[in-house]
Amino acid sequence: MAKGVADMNCLVTDKVRRTVKFLCALAKGIPIVTTHWLVESSKAGRFLSPNAFVVKDPEQEKNFSFCLQHSLTIASSQPLLQGYGIHVTKSVKPEPVHMKDIIFCSGGTLLPNMPSSLKPQTVVISCEEDLSLCGPALSATLPVVTAEFILTGILQQRLDLQTYRLSAPAHSPQPAGGRGRSRKKT
């Protein structure tokens, strides 16, 4: 049995699930198989090749526009986030501690601090709740995106900065002549 997501070499499940373990296995290109693989391997007295037992979940594959078998093949040849530095803000779901595992298994590096200068392949994962924390990254014109950038990106084995981009809140214009409402003079 694996002690954690970093050392697993196979994942057994009955369907596509967007759990940390599932996403990590897919990100690493590790076979994701049905329980039928365990049954047949037990009958054979040895672990069989997992290739014939890869999970098929047409409903979820259609829902997330991907093919698990194809994504596993791509992921096994090159990690999706190889060379990327990614910062995750505090309120992102899955929680930053889980995103760290997902990013690591995808070949990326977790950046502990908010980046404030433009560097290639640097991304901030955030949410509406934390958008106010992203000022330095936004000022540096770094992409600030939702967690779906990684979650759906792993399933589809493609990175889409535009679809999952978070926008800075529009500043409400100040009334002419000052900083808002003033006290009425009496």
C-alpha atoms as a PDB file:
ATOM      1  CA  MET A   1       0.000   0.000   0.000  1.00  0.00           C
ATOM      2  CA  ALA A   2       1.168   3.481  -0.834  1.00  0.00           C
ATOM      3  CA  LYS A   3       1.773   5.833   2.074  1.00  0.00           C
ATOM      4  CA  GLY A   4       0.697   8.859   0.088  1.00  0.00           C
ATOM      5  CA  VAL A   5      -0.036  10.217  -3.349  1.00  0.00           C
ATOM      6  CA  ALA A   6       3.651  10.649  -4.159  1.00  0.00           C
ATOM      7  CA  ASP A   7       4.455   6.934  -3.996  1.00  0.00           C
ATOM      8  CA  MET A   8       1.356   5.273  -5.456  1.00  0.00           C
ATOM      9  CA  ASN A   9       1.729   3.251  -8.635  1.00  0.00           C
ATOM     10  CA  CYS A  10      -1.920   2.377  -9.291  1.00  0.00           C
ATOM     11  CA  LEU A  11      -5.309   3.688  -8.182  1.00  0.00           C
ATOM     12  CA  VAL A  12      -8.354   1.454  -7.806  1.00  0.00           C
ATOM     13  CA  THR A  13     -11.778   3.097  -8.072  1.00  0.00           C
ATOM     14  CA  ASP A  14     -15.160   2.499  -9.657  1.00  0.00           C
ATOM     15  CA  LYS A  15     -15.558   5.791 -11.524  1.00  0.00           C
ATOM     16  CA  VAL A  16     -14.035   9.157 -12.328  1.00  0.00           C
ATOM     17  CA  ARG A  17     -13.860  11.258  -9.177  1.00  0.00           C
ATOM     18  CA  ARG A  18     -12.157  14.585  -8.732  1.00  0.00           C
ATOM     19  CA  THR A  19     -10.491  13.608  -5.474  1.00  0.00           C
ATOM     20  CA  VAL A  20      -6.911  14.494  -4.599  1.00  0.00           C
ATOM     21  CA  LYS A  21      -5.833  10.864  -5.071  1.00  0.00           C
ATOM     22  CA  PHE A  22      -7.574  10.559  -8.431  1.00  0.00           C
ATOM     23  CA  LEU A  23      -6.165  13.841  -9.744  1.00  0.00           C
ATOM     24  CA  CYS A  24      -2.669  12.973  -8.505  1.00  0.00           C
ATOM     25  CA  ALA A  25      -2.779   9.540 -10.131  1.00  0.00           C
ATOM     26  CA  LEU A  26      -3.971  11.023 -13.412  1.00  0.00           C
ATOM     27  CA  ALA A  27      -1.403  13.827 -13.237  1.00  0.00           C
ATOM     28  CA  LYS A  28       1.359  11.236 -12.883  1.00  0.00           C
ATOM     29  CA  GLY A  29      -0.066   9.023 -15.631  1.00  0.00           C
ATOM     30  CA  ILE A  30      -0.552   6.196 -13.143  1.00  0.00           C
ATOM     31  CA  PRO A  31      -3.115   3.565 -14.166  1.00  0.00           C
ATOM     32  CA  ILE A  32      -6.578   4.183 -12.716  1.00  0.00           C
ATOM     33  CA  VAL A  33      -8.330   0.835 -12.716  1.00  0.00           C
ATOM     34  CA  THR A  34     -11.555  -0.814 -11.623  1.00  0.00           C
ATOM     35  CA  THR A  35     -11.851  -3.318  -8.792  1.00  0.00           C
ATOM     36  CA  HIS A  36     -12.151  -5.950 -11.528  1.00  0.00           C
ATOM     37  CA  TRP A  37      -8.354  -5.654 -11.903  1.00  0.00           C
ATOM     38  CA  LEU A  38      -7.924  -6.773  -8.282  1.00  0.00           C
ATOM     39  CA  VAL A  39     -10.324  -9.702  -8.735  1.00  0.00           C
ATOM     40  CA  GLU A  40      -8.676 -10.913 -11.941  1.00  0.00           C
ATOM     41  CA  SER A  41      -5.175 -10.400 -10.548  1.00  0.00           C
ATOM     42  CA  SER A  42      -6.125 -12.463  -7.500  1.00  0.00           C
ATOM     43  CA  LYS A  43      -7.413 -15.268  -9.730  1.00  0.00           C
ATOM     44  CA  ALA A  44      -4.182 -15.169 -11.740  1.00  0.00           C
ATOM     45  CA  GLY A  45      -2.051 -15.169  -8.593  1.00  0.00           C
ATOM     46  CA  ARG A  46      -0.160 -12.081  -9.764  1.00  0.00           C
ATOM     47  CA  PHE A  47      -0.796  -8.469 -10.686  1.00  0.00           C
ATOM     48  CA  LEU A  48      -2.035  -8.333 -14.256  1.00  0.00           C
ATOM     49  CA  SER A  49      -1.277  -5.493 -16.612  1.00  0.00           C
ATOM     50  CA  PRO A  50      -3.650  -2.686 -15.657  1.00  0.00           C
ATOM     51  CA  ASN A  51      -4.184  -1.521 -19.251  1.00  0.00           C
ATOM     52  CA  ALA A  52      -7.269  -3.679 -19.860  1.00  0.00           C
ATOM     53  CA  PHE A  53      -8.867  -2.512 -16.604  1.00  0.00           C
ATOM     54  CA  VAL A  54      -8.725   1.287 -16.910  1.00  0.00           C
ATOM     55  CA  VAL A  55     -11.873   2.943 -15.553  1.00  0.00           C
ATOM     56  CA  LYS A  56     -14.435   3.894 -18.154  1.00  0.00           C
ATOM     57  CA  ASP A  57     -16.953   6.512 -17.076  1.00  0.00           C
ATOM     58  CA  PRO A  58     -18.651   7.918 -20.186  1.00  0.00           C
ATOM     59  CA  GLU A  59     -20.911  10.232 -18.192  1.00  0.00           C
ATOM     60  CA  GLN A  60     -18.102  11.994 -16.307  1.00  0.00           C
ATOM     61  CA  GLU A  61     -15.772  11.932 -19.299  1.00  0.00           C
ATOM     62  CA  LYS A  62     -18.455  13.716 -21.317  1.00  0.00           C
ATOM     63  CA  ASN A  63     -19.210  16.076 -18.420  1.00  0.00           C
ATOM     64  CA  PHE A  64     -15.558  17.192 -18.211  1.00  0.00           C
ATOM     65  CA  SER A  65     -14.801  16.855 -21.954  1.00  0.00           C
ATOM     66  CA  PHE A  66     -11.969  14.355 -21.676  1.00  0.00           C
ATOM     67  CA  CYS A  67     -11.031  10.728 -22.289  1.00  0.00           C
ATOM     68  CA  LEU A  68      -9.367   9.126 -19.268  1.00  0.00           C
ATOM     69  CA  GLN A  69      -7.293   6.675 -21.313  1.00  0.00           C
ATOM     70  CA  HIS A  70      -6.032   9.459 -23.584  1.00  0.00           C
ATOM     71  CA  SER A  71      -5.263  11.757 -20.638  1.00  0.00           C
ATOM     72  CA  LEU A  72      -3.331   8.986 -18.864  1.00  0.00           C
ATOM     73  CA  THR A  73      -1.244   8.432 -21.990  1.00  0.00           C
ATOM     74  CA  ILE A  74      -0.406  12.127 -22.291  1.00  0.00           C
ATOM     75  CA  ALA A  75       0.321  12.515 -18.563  1.00  0.00           C
ATOM     76  CA  SER A  76       2.692   9.549 -18.537  1.00  0.00           C
ATOM     77  CA  SER A  77       4.857  11.173 -21.207  1.00  0.00           C
ATOM     78  CA  GLN A  78       5.208  14.687 -19.741  1.00  0.00           C
ATOM     79  CA  PRO A  79       3.902  16.281 -16.541  1.00  0.00           C
ATOM     80  CA  LEU A  80       1.310  18.962 -17.277  1.00  0.00           C
ATOM     81  CA  LEU A  81       2.809  21.593 -14.958  1.00  0.00           C
ATOM     82  CA  GLN A  82       6.479  20.850 -15.596  1.00  0.00           C
ATOM     83  CA  GLY A  83       8.405  24.082 -15.184  1.00  0.00           C
ATOM     84  CA  TYR A  84       5.476  25.970 -13.627  1.00  0.00           C
ATOM     85  CA  GLY A  85       5.612  27.863 -10.350  1.00  0.00           C
ATOM     86  CA  ILE A  86       2.186  28.150  -8.760  1.00  0.00           C
ATOM     87  CA  HIS A  87       0.991  30.108  -5.757  1.00  0.00           C
ATOM     88  CA  VAL A  88      -2.309  29.087  -4.123  1.00  0.00           C
ATOM     89  CA  THR A  89      -4.220  31.582  -1.984  1.00  0.00           C
ATOM     90  CA  LYS A  90      -5.611  30.577   1.406  1.00  0.00           C
ATOM     91  CA  SER A  91      -9.325  30.090   0.624  1.00  0.00           C
ATOM     92  CA  VAL A  92      -8.955  27.997  -2.541  1.00  0.00           C
ATOM     93  CA  LYS A  93     -10.778  24.665  -2.619  1.00  0.00           C
ATOM     94  CA  PRO A  94      -9.360  22.048  -2.560  1.00  0.00           C
ATOM     95  CA  GLU A  95      -7.382  23.491   0.332  1.00  0.00           C
ATOM     96  CA  PRO A  96      -3.824  24.669  -0.370  1.00  0.00           C
ATOM     97  CA  VAL A  97      -2.325  21.630   1.407  1.00  0.00           C
ATOM     98  CA  HIS A  98      -4.144  19.357  -1.072  1.00  0.00           C
ATOM     99  CA  MET A  99      -3.379  21.631  -4.011  1.00  0.00           C
ATOM    100  CA  LYS A 100       0.289  21.270  -3.063  1.00  0.00           C
ATOM    101  CA  ASP A 101       0.054  17.497  -3.645  1.00  0.00           C
ATOM    102  CA  ILE A 102      -1.815  17.971  -6.920  1.00  0.00           C
ATOM    103  CA  ILE A 103       0.699  20.557  -8.158  1.00  0.00           C
ATOM    104  CA  PHE A 104       3.652  18.363  -7.131  1.00  0.00           C
ATOM    105  CA  CYS A 105       2.207  15.285  -8.861  1.00  0.00           C
ATOM    106  CA  SER A 106       1.653  17.421 -11.970  1.00  0.00           C
ATOM    107  CA  GLY A 107       5.328  18.392 -12.075  1.00  0.00           C
ATOM    108  CA  GLY A 108       4.869  21.944 -10.796  1.00  0.00           C
ATOM    109  CA  THR A 109       6.390  23.804  -7.874  1.00  0.00           C
ATOM    110  CA  LEU A 110       4.322  25.416  -5.136  1.00  0.00           C
ATOM    111  CA  LEU A 111       5.347  29.014  -4.534  1.00  0.00           C
ATOM    112  CA  PRO A 112       4.937  29.848  -0.824  1.00  0.00           C
ATOM    113  CA  ASN A 113       4.614  33.606  -1.381  1.00  0.00           C
ATOM    114  CA  MET A 114       2.502  35.704  -3.713  1.00  0.00           C
ATOM    115  CA  PRO A 115       4.635  36.442  -6.792  1.00  0.00           C
ATOM    116  CA  SER A 116       4.994  40.127  -7.583  1.00  0.00           C
ATOM    117  CA  SER A 117       7.071  40.153 -10.753  1.00  0.00           C
ATOM    118  CA  LEU A 118       6.378  38.781 -14.193  1.00  0.00           C
ATOM    119  CA  LYS A 119       8.100  35.445 -14.694  1.00  0.00           C
ATOM    120  CA  PRO A 120       7.318  32.889 -17.390  1.00  0.00           C
ATOM    121  CA  GLN A 121       5.181  29.946 -16.309  1.00  0.00           C
ATOM    122  CA  THR A 122       4.135  31.568 -13.041  1.00  0.00           C
ATOM    123  CA  VAL A 123       0.461  31.338 -12.129  1.00  0.00           C
ATOM    124  CA  VAL A 124      -1.657  32.274  -9.113  1.00  0.00           C
ATOM    125  CA  ILE A 125      -4.576  30.023  -8.191  1.00  0.00           C
ATOM    126  CA  SER A 126      -7.189  31.977  -6.289  1.00  0.00           C
ATOM    127  CA  CYS A 127     -10.906  32.481  -5.762  1.00  0.00           C
ATOM    128  CA  GLU A 128     -13.310  35.423  -5.567  1.00  0.00           C
ATOM    129  CA  GLU A 129     -12.933  35.486  -1.775  1.00  0.00           C
ATOM    130  CA  ASP A 130      -9.147  35.961  -2.018  1.00  0.00           C
ATOM    131  CA  LEU A 131      -8.989  38.191  -5.076  1.00  0.00           C
ATOM    132  CA  SER A 132      -8.049  41.195  -2.934  1.00  0.00           C
ATOM    133  CA  LEU A 133      -4.839  39.325  -1.973  1.00  0.00           C
ATOM    134  CA  CYS A 134      -3.787  39.061  -5.615  1.00  0.00           C
ATOM    135  CA  GLY A 135      -2.908  42.724  -6.166  1.00  0.00           C
ATOM    136  CA  PRO A 136       0.859  42.145  -6.519  1.00  0.00           C
ATOM    137  CA  ALA A 137       0.337  39.376  -9.086  1.00  0.00           C
ATOM    138  CA  LEU A 138      -2.275  41.335 -11.006  1.00  0.00           C
ATOM    139  CA  SER A 139      -0.020  44.420 -11.024  1.00  0.00           C
ATOM    140  CA  ALA A 140       2.750  42.256 -12.474  1.00  0.00           C
ATOM    141  CA  THR A 141       0.269  40.996 -15.118  1.00  0.00           C
ATOM    142  CA  LEU A 142       0.611  37.421 -13.900  1.00  0.00           C
ATOM    143  CA  PRO A 143      -2.308  35.129 -14.644  1.00  0.00           C
ATOM    144  CA  VAL A 144      -4.691  34.727 -11.702  1.00  0.00           C
ATOM    145  CA  VAL A 145      -7.023  31.795 -12.272  1.00  0.00           C
ATOM    146  CA  THR A 146      -9.490  29.580 -10.434  1.00  0.00           C
ATOM    147  CA  ALA A 147      -8.627  26.089  -9.204  1.00  0.00           C
ATOM    148  CA  GLU A 148     -10.396  24.722 -12.297  1.00  0.00           C
ATOM    149  CA  PHE A 149      -7.284  25.712 -14.243  1.00  0.00           C
ATOM    150  CA  ILE A 150      -5.562  22.762 -12.558  1.00  0.00           C
ATOM    151  CA  LEU A 151      -8.499  20.471 -11.739  1.00  0.00           C
ATOM    152  CA  THR A 152     -10.032  20.432 -15.213  1.00  0.00           C
ATOM    153  CA  GLY A 153      -6.603  20.951 -16.755  1.00  0.00           C
ATOM    154  CA  ILE A 154      -5.403  17.636 -15.322  1.00  0.00           C
ATOM    155  CA  LEU A 155      -8.472  15.797 -16.589  1.00  0.00           C
ATOM    156  CA  GLN A 156      -8.104  17.247 -20.085  1.00  0.00           C
ATOM    157  CA  GLN A 157      -4.289  17.391 -19.971  1.00  0.00           C
ATOM    158  CA  ARG A 158      -4.269  20.953 -21.235  1.00  0.00           C
ATOM    159  CA  LEU A 159      -3.771  24.347 -19.642  1.00  0.00           C
ATOM    160  CA  ASP A 160      -6.354  27.027 -20.353  1.00  0.00           C
ATOM    161  CA  LEU A 161      -5.504  30.350 -18.741  1.00  0.00           C
ATOM    162  CA  GLN A 162      -8.271  32.266 -20.503  1.00  0.00           C
ATOM    163  CA  THR A 163     -11.272  30.146 -19.529  1.00  0.00           C
ATOM    164  CA  TYR A 164     -10.388  30.074 -15.830  1.00  0.00           C
ATOM    165  CA  ARG A 165      -9.007  33.617 -15.444  1.00  0.00           C
ATOM    166  CA  LEU A 166     -10.226  35.644 -12.477  1.00  0.00           C
ATOM    167  CA  SER A 167     -10.757  39.327 -13.134  1.00  0.00           C
ATOM    168  CA  ALA A 168      -9.830  42.112 -10.791  1.00  0.00           C
ATOM    169  CA  PRO A 169     -12.905  43.753  -9.306  1.00  0.00           C
ATOM    170  CA  ALA A 170     -13.941  46.879 -11.135  1.00  0.00           C
ATOM    171  CA  HIS A 171     -13.258  49.983  -9.099  1.00  0.00           C
ATOM    172  CA  SER A 172     -16.395  51.943  -8.416  1.00  0.00           C
ATOM    173  CA  PRO A 173     -15.992  55.512  -9.541  1.00  0.00           C
ATOM    174  CA  GLN A 174     -15.726  58.119  -6.815  1.00  0.00           C
ATOM    175  CA  PRO A 175     -18.193  60.990  -6.894  1.00  0.00           C
ATOM    176  CA  ALA A 176     -16.731  64.216  -8.189  1.00  0.00           C
ATOM    177  CA  GLY A 177     -15.156  66.425  -5.599  1.00  0.00           C
ATOM    178  CA  GLY A 178     -13.836  63.977  -3.095  1.00  0.00           C
ATOM    179  CA  ARG A 179     -13.829  60.639  -1.397  1.00  0.00           C
ATOM    180  CA  GLY A 180     -17.490  59.820  -1.304  1.00  0.00           C
ATOM    181  CA  ARG A 181     -20.248  61.234   0.810  1.00  0.00           C
ATOM    182  CA  SER A 182     -19.336  64.155   2.964  1.00  0.00           C
ATOM    183  CA  ARG A 183     -20.969  65.379   6.111  1.00  0.00           C
ATOM    184  CA  LYS A 184     -23.695  67.853   5.709  1.00  0.00           C
ATOM    185  CA  LYS A 185     -22.639  71.244   6.971  1.00  0.00           C
ATOM    186  CA  THR A 186     -25.106  72.858   9.308  1.00  0.00           C
END
